Protein backbone atom coordinates (compact mmCIF):
# COMPACT_ATOMS: atom_id res chain seq x y z
CA MET A 1 4.12 -6.74 5.96
CA ASN A 2 5.99 3.38 8.75
CA ILE A 3 4.00 12.74 10.55
CA ARG A 4 7.31 13.60 12.14
CA SER A 5 5.84 17.13 12.21
CA ARG A 6 2.33 16.64 12.85
CA ALA A 7 1.28 16.78 16.09
CA LEU A 8 0.38 13.28 17.89
CA SER A 9 -3.12 14.31 19.49
CA CYS A 10 -4.76 12.01 17.21
CA ALA A 11 -2.61 9.07 17.49
CA CYS A 12 -2.87 9.43 21.38
CA MET A 13 -6.70 9.13 21.14
CA LEU A 14 -5.79 5.32 19.67
CA ILE A 15 -3.69 4.64 22.55
CA LEU A 16 -4.28 1.91 25.31
CA THR A 17 -2.20 1.80 28.33
CA ILE A 18 -0.87 -1.92 29.13
CA SER A 19 0.36 -3.30 32.46
CA LEU A 20 0.75 -6.93 31.69
CA ASN A 21 3.37 -8.74 29.70
CA LEU A 22 1.01 -9.60 26.91
CA ALA A 23 -1.63 -6.99 25.89
CA PRO A 24 -4.72 -7.73 27.76
CA ALA A 25 -8.23 -7.32 26.14
CA ARG A 26 -9.97 -4.16 27.26
CA ALA A 27 -13.73 -3.56 27.52
CA ASP A 28 -13.17 -0.35 25.80
CA VAL A 29 -11.99 -1.79 22.72
CA ALA A 30 -14.25 -3.17 20.24
CA PRO A 31 -13.19 -6.68 19.60
CA ALA A 32 -12.68 -8.15 16.27
CA SER A 33 -15.59 -10.28 15.30
CA ALA A 34 -15.97 -14.17 15.65
CA ASP A 35 -15.88 -14.32 11.98
CA PHE A 36 -12.85 -12.28 11.67
CA SER A 37 -11.06 -14.79 14.16
CA THR A 38 -12.38 -17.85 12.34
CA ALA A 39 -11.26 -16.49 9.21
CA MET A 40 -7.82 -15.69 10.68
CA GLN A 41 -7.46 -19.19 11.99
CA LEU A 42 -8.28 -20.71 8.44
CA PHE A 43 -5.74 -18.36 6.79
CA TYR A 44 -2.77 -19.58 9.03
CA GLN A 45 -3.92 -23.12 8.51
CA GLN A 46 -2.98 -22.18 4.91
CA ASP A 47 -6.67 -23.28 4.00
CA TRP A 48 -6.88 -20.99 1.08
CA PRO A 49 -10.55 -21.74 -0.24
CA LYS A 50 -12.08 -21.74 3.02
CA ALA A 51 -10.20 -18.43 4.01
CA ILE A 52 -11.35 -16.99 1.19
CA ASP A 53 -14.88 -17.87 1.94
CA ALA A 54 -14.42 -16.79 5.45
CA PHE A 55 -12.88 -13.33 4.65
CA GLN A 56 -15.71 -12.56 1.87
CA LYS A 57 -17.93 -13.22 4.62
CA VAL A 58 -16.38 -10.53 6.83
CA VAL A 59 -15.88 -7.85 4.23
CA GLU A 60 -19.63 -8.16 3.35
CA LYS A 61 -20.54 -7.41 6.82
CA ASP A 62 -18.15 -4.53 7.37
CA PRO A 63 -16.82 -3.38 3.76
CA ARG A 64 -14.63 -0.78 5.68
CA ASP A 65 -12.32 -3.82 7.41
CA THR A 66 -9.00 -2.99 5.59
CA MET A 67 -7.29 -6.05 7.06
CA ALA A 68 -9.84 -8.37 6.01
CA TRP A 69 -9.64 -7.15 2.88
CA PHE A 70 -5.82 -7.73 2.62
CA PHE A 71 -5.87 -10.98 3.75
CA LEU A 72 -8.89 -11.88 1.28
CA PHE A 73 -6.34 -10.54 -1.62
CA ASP A 74 -3.39 -12.67 -0.08
CA ALA A 75 -5.38 -15.73 0.05
CA TYR A 76 -6.30 -15.21 -3.53
CA ILE A 77 -2.57 -14.65 -4.47
CA LYS A 78 -1.92 -17.97 -2.82
CA ARG A 79 -4.20 -19.53 -4.99
CA ASN A 80 -2.81 -17.81 -7.97
CA ASP A 81 -6.26 -16.06 -8.58
CA LEU A 82 -6.09 -12.66 -7.85
CA ARG A 83 -7.14 -11.30 -11.34
CA SER A 84 -10.54 -12.99 -10.90
CA MET A 85 -11.18 -11.18 -7.64
CA LEU A 86 -9.73 -7.91 -9.55
CA TYR A 87 -12.28 -8.38 -12.25
CA GLN A 88 -15.24 -8.53 -10.15
CA LEU A 89 -14.12 -5.39 -8.32
CA GLU A 90 -13.42 -3.58 -11.77
CA GLN A 91 -16.94 -4.73 -12.82
CA LYS A 92 -18.49 -3.34 -9.52
CA ALA A 93 -16.46 0.04 -9.90
CA VAL A 94 -17.75 0.44 -13.71
CA ALA A 95 -21.33 -0.17 -12.92
CA SER A 96 -21.18 2.88 -10.58
CA ASP A 97 -19.81 4.94 -13.49
CA ASN A 98 -16.84 5.20 -11.06
CA LYS A 99 -18.65 7.31 -8.74
CA ASN A 100 -19.04 4.64 -5.86
CA PRO A 101 -16.53 5.61 -3.22
CA GLN A 102 -16.49 2.48 -1.59
CA ALA A 103 -16.33 0.24 -4.73
CA LEU A 104 -13.20 2.47 -6.07
CA ALA A 105 -11.47 1.98 -2.48
CA GLN A 106 -11.93 -1.50 -2.37
CA LEU A 107 -10.47 -1.60 -6.34
CA GLY A 108 -7.58 0.53 -5.25
CA LEU A 109 -6.76 -2.00 -2.63
CA GLY A 110 -6.86 -4.68 -5.06
CA TYR A 111 -4.39 -2.90 -7.34
CA LEU A 112 -2.10 -2.38 -4.34
CA ALA A 113 -2.29 -6.34 -3.56
CA ARG A 114 -1.50 -6.78 -7.30
CA TYR A 115 1.83 -4.51 -6.95
CA MET A 116 2.81 -6.66 -3.97
CA LYS A 117 2.78 -9.61 -6.15
CA GLU A 118 3.83 -7.70 -9.31
CA PRO A 119 5.75 -4.84 -8.33
CA GLN A 120 5.40 -2.59 -11.42
CA THR A 121 5.37 1.51 -10.83
CA SER A 122 2.43 1.55 -13.40
CA ILE A 123 0.28 -0.71 -10.92
CA LEU A 124 1.04 1.27 -7.94
CA ASP A 125 0.17 4.75 -10.06
CA GLU A 126 -3.17 3.01 -11.08
CA ALA A 127 -3.97 2.20 -7.04
CA GLN A 128 -2.83 5.63 -6.18
CA LYS A 129 -4.79 7.21 -8.76
CA THR A 130 -8.08 4.97 -7.81
CA LEU A 131 -7.71 5.56 -4.12
CA GLU A 132 -7.42 9.29 -4.26
CA LYS A 133 -10.63 9.38 -6.65
CA ALA A 134 -12.37 7.52 -3.70
CA ILE A 135 -11.25 10.34 -1.43
CA GLU A 136 -12.38 13.19 -3.64
CA LEU A 137 -15.94 11.43 -3.75
CA ASP A 138 -15.93 10.70 0.07
CA LYS A 139 -13.24 12.57 2.37
CA SER A 140 -14.10 10.32 5.25
CA ASN A 141 -13.66 7.05 3.36
CA ALA A 142 -11.40 5.24 5.96
CA LEU A 143 -10.52 2.42 3.33
CA ALA A 144 -9.47 4.66 0.94
CA HIS A 145 -7.29 6.50 3.47
CA THR A 146 -5.69 3.60 4.60
CA GLY A 147 -5.01 2.41 1.11
CA LEU A 148 -3.39 5.61 0.11
CA GLY A 149 -1.60 5.60 3.37
CA LEU A 150 -0.11 2.13 2.11
CA VAL A 151 0.75 3.69 -1.16
CA TYR A 152 2.89 6.39 0.13
CA TYR A 153 4.20 4.08 2.77
CA THR A 154 5.45 1.71 -0.11
CA ARG A 155 7.00 5.01 -1.82
CA ARG A 156 8.64 5.79 1.75
CA MET A 157 6.79 9.02 1.86
CA ILE A 158 6.17 8.61 5.55
CA PRO A 159 4.47 11.88 6.73
CA ARG A 160 2.03 11.60 3.88
CA ALA A 161 1.45 8.09 4.78
CA LYS A 162 0.96 8.61 8.67
CA GLY A 163 -1.33 11.57 7.85
CA ASN A 164 -3.88 8.96 5.78
CA PHE A 165 -3.58 6.39 8.40
CA LEU A 166 -4.43 9.14 11.17
CA GLU A 167 -7.24 10.13 8.99
CA ALA A 168 -8.25 6.56 8.49
CA ALA A 169 -8.37 5.98 12.26
CA ARG A 170 -10.52 8.97 12.93
CA SER A 171 -12.99 8.03 10.52
CA ASN A 172 -12.64 4.16 11.85
CA PRO A 173 -11.20 3.87 15.19
CA ASN A 174 -11.18 -0.02 14.79
CA ASP A 175 -9.10 0.19 11.48
CA ILE A 176 -6.60 -2.66 12.39
CA MET A 177 -4.41 -2.00 9.49
CA ALA A 178 -4.20 1.81 10.14
CA LEU A 179 -3.41 1.17 13.87
CA GLU A 180 -0.53 -1.34 12.71
CA ARG A 181 1.37 1.07 10.37
CA ILE A 182 0.69 4.24 12.71
CA GLY A 183 2.39 2.17 15.48
CA GLU A 184 5.27 0.81 13.11
CA ILE A 185 6.10 4.46 11.93
CA THR A 186 6.14 5.64 15.55
CA MET A 187 8.53 2.74 16.22
CA VAL A 188 10.74 2.29 13.19
CA ASP A 189 10.70 5.73 11.79
CA GLU A 190 10.19 8.05 14.77
CA LYS A 191 12.19 5.94 17.04
CA ARG A 192 9.65 5.79 19.92
CA PRO A 193 8.94 2.46 20.81
CA GLN A 194 7.30 3.23 24.27
CA GLU A 195 4.57 4.87 22.45
CA ALA A 196 4.47 2.51 19.65
CA ASN A 197 4.16 -0.46 22.25
CA GLU A 198 0.87 1.14 23.55
CA MET A 199 -0.70 1.53 20.11
CA PHE A 200 0.40 -2.34 19.32
CA ALA A 201 -1.16 -3.16 22.63
CA GLN A 202 -4.72 -1.69 21.53
CA LEU A 203 -4.04 -3.55 18.17
CA ALA A 204 -3.86 -6.99 19.83
CA ALA A 205 -6.63 -6.26 22.06
CA ARG A 206 -8.89 -5.70 19.05
CA ALA A 207 -7.52 -8.64 17.35
CA PRO A 208 -5.98 -11.37 19.33
CA SER A 209 -6.29 -14.05 16.77
CA TYR A 210 -3.88 -11.73 14.63
CA PRO A 211 -0.23 -13.02 15.23
CA ASP A 212 1.46 -9.68 13.73
CA ALA A 213 -0.21 -7.91 16.59
CA TRP A 214 1.77 -9.95 19.05
CA TRP A 215 4.64 -9.64 16.79
CA TYR A 216 4.67 -5.96 17.04
CA VAL A 217 4.12 -5.80 20.91
CA GLY A 218 6.97 -8.06 21.06
CA SER A 219 9.26 -5.92 18.83
CA SER A 220 8.49 -2.77 20.78
CA PHE A 221 9.50 -4.49 23.83
CA TYR A 222 12.67 -5.54 22.28
CA ASP A 223 13.58 -1.93 21.27
CA MET A 224 12.59 -0.98 25.10
CA GLY A 225 15.13 -3.49 26.23
CA GLU A 226 12.52 -5.20 27.95
CA TYR A 227 13.53 -8.88 26.76
CA GLU A 228 11.63 -11.10 29.13
CA ARG A 229 8.41 -9.13 27.89
CA CYS A 230 9.39 -9.24 24.29
CA VAL A 231 9.81 -13.09 24.48
CA GLU A 232 6.38 -13.71 25.94
CA ASN A 233 4.71 -11.79 23.30
CA LEU A 234 6.87 -13.80 20.64
CA LYS A 235 5.57 -16.82 22.06
CA LYS A 236 2.19 -16.01 20.98
CA VAL A 237 3.01 -15.17 17.73
CA ILE A 238 4.60 -18.74 17.20
CA GLU A 239 1.63 -20.25 18.71
CA LEU A 240 -0.70 -18.53 16.14
CA ASP A 241 1.73 -18.85 13.17
CA PRO A 242 3.62 -21.90 13.50
CA ASN A 243 4.32 -22.24 9.79
CA GLY A 244 5.81 -18.46 9.49
CA VAL A 245 3.06 -17.42 7.02
CA THR A 246 3.54 -13.70 8.15
CA GLN A 247 5.43 -12.53 11.03
CA GLY A 248 5.89 -15.80 12.66
CA TYR A 249 8.59 -16.20 9.91
CA ARG A 250 10.55 -13.65 11.65
CA ALA A 251 9.44 -14.36 15.58
CA PRO A 252 12.25 -17.14 16.48
CA MET A 253 14.98 -14.91 15.28
CA LEU A 254 14.04 -11.95 17.32
CA MET A 255 13.25 -14.22 20.23
CA GLY A 256 16.55 -15.78 19.92
CA LYS A 257 18.34 -12.27 20.07
CA ALA A 258 16.23 -11.79 23.37
CA TYR A 259 17.45 -15.00 24.83
CA LEU A 260 21.14 -14.03 23.93
CA LYS A 261 20.30 -10.38 25.68
CA LEU A 262 19.20 -12.62 28.71
CA LYS A 263 22.13 -14.95 28.66
CA ASN A 264 19.89 -17.92 28.35
CA TYR A 265 21.72 -19.81 25.81
CA SER A 266 19.81 -22.88 25.97
CA ALA A 267 16.55 -21.01 25.00
CA ALA A 268 18.54 -19.01 22.17
CA LYS A 269 19.59 -22.00 20.67
CA ASP A 270 16.05 -23.36 20.41
CA ALA A 271 14.81 -20.36 19.14
CA PHE A 272 17.46 -20.21 16.35
CA LEU A 273 16.75 -23.97 15.25
CA LEU A 274 13.31 -23.09 14.81
CA GLU A 275 14.27 -20.13 12.97
CA LEU A 276 16.33 -22.60 10.73
CA LYS A 277 13.41 -24.92 10.38
CA LEU A 278 11.44 -22.06 8.92
CA ASN A 279 14.20 -20.36 6.86
CA PRO A 280 17.08 -22.99 6.32
CA ASN A 281 19.33 -20.51 4.18
CA SER A 282 19.32 -18.03 6.95
CA GLU A 283 23.06 -17.30 7.69
CA GLU A 284 22.30 -14.89 10.42
CA ALA A 285 20.45 -17.70 12.31
CA ARG A 286 23.80 -20.18 11.74
CA TYR A 287 25.74 -17.51 13.07
CA LEU A 288 23.65 -16.60 16.16
CA LEU A 289 23.22 -20.48 16.88
CA GLU A 290 26.92 -20.71 17.34
CA GLN A 291 27.01 -17.69 19.57
CA SER A 292 24.45 -19.43 21.83
CA GLN A 293 26.35 -22.38 22.39
CA PRO A 294 27.46 -22.96 25.92
CA ARG A 295 30.40 -21.15 27.19
CA THR A 296 32.48 -23.96 29.11
CA SER A 297 36.16 -24.21 29.78
CA PRO A 298 38.34 -26.73 28.19
CA GLN A 299 37.91 -30.16 29.69
CA PRO A 300 41.19 -31.15 31.38
CA PRO A 301 42.86 -34.26 30.46
CA SER A 302 42.13 -37.54 32.70
CA ASP A 303 45.00 -39.44 33.99
CA LYS A 304 44.74 -43.48 34.20
CA LYS A 305 42.98 -43.47 37.44
CA GLY A 306 40.36 -40.83 35.70
CA ASN A 307 41.50 -37.99 37.87
CA GLY A 308 41.55 -34.70 35.84
CA LYS A 309 44.30 -32.69 35.95
CA LYS A 310 44.25 -29.28 35.29
CA THR A 311 47.00 -28.16 32.67
CA GLY A 312 46.05 -24.49 32.04
CA SER A 313 43.39 -21.77 32.51
C-alpha cells in the first residue's frame, strides 16, 4: 500500500519465529481487538458507512492505532468525503492551540491520506511539518513517528523512514503499520526475506483479519523460494479480500507465479484467470496464462480405423 546502517537490535525485539506454513497466533502477541476485526470485515465488504463507524469506534478506544486511522481515512476517501474528516481534525488541533501532540499526529496522518488521493508536494510537506511538530511536543508519540516514517517512505528516504518506524514500535509494540513497513523495508530494500518473514508472522498473528498481513508472509516465502508455503498464505489473502480491495488485487498473480515454479500448470492457469477477473487489462497475466497451458506433444493423425500414426517427434 520500505536503516541499512542502523543496528537491527530494535527490530529483533519485534520478531516472532514461525514453524508452520501459516503464521500462527502466539500467546505473547497482543491480538487486535474484536472491534478492529469487525471493522476490517466491513471495509473489505466495501460497506463504507459501516466501516467508518466501526473504525471510528476503534480509534476512540485506542487513538494510537495507526492502521485503524488509515483505514478510517481510506473509507472516507471511498465515500469522497475525506475533507469533512480533515475539517474535524483541524478544528481539534486548533482548539488546543496546536499544542496537543496526539491531535497534531492525527491531523498529520489525515494530510498524508489526502496526499495519497491528491499527490501534491505541498500536501506532503504540510503532513511532514505537522507530524514533526507533534514529535517536538512528544518525542515518544508512536502515531506521529509512524506517520513521519510514511512521509519519508513516500519520499524514498528509507533509512529515515525505518528509523521512525522503529521508534514507533518501541513506543507501541502493537503498531501494525510500523511493523508492516519495517518488514517491507527489510524484504524489499535490504533483501533479507527470511528476517522479514518473521516480522510479517508477528503482523499476521496480531491481526489475522488483515489480508495484507498474509500477503506479506506469502511474498516473503516467495522470495525465499518456498513456493508451497507462499501459496498457502496467498489463499488466505484471497479468502479475506476476494474483491481485491487492497493486496488481494495482487495475490492471484503471485500465486500463479508460485504455481509455475512448482510446475502446477493447471493451478497456475486458475490463478491467472482470477487475476484477469480482478484486473482485465493485465498484459502480464495474459502472457503468463499462455505459459501455464499444458505442455503436450502434437496429437498424431488418425487412419481410417482410428489408429494413430506417429509421423514425427
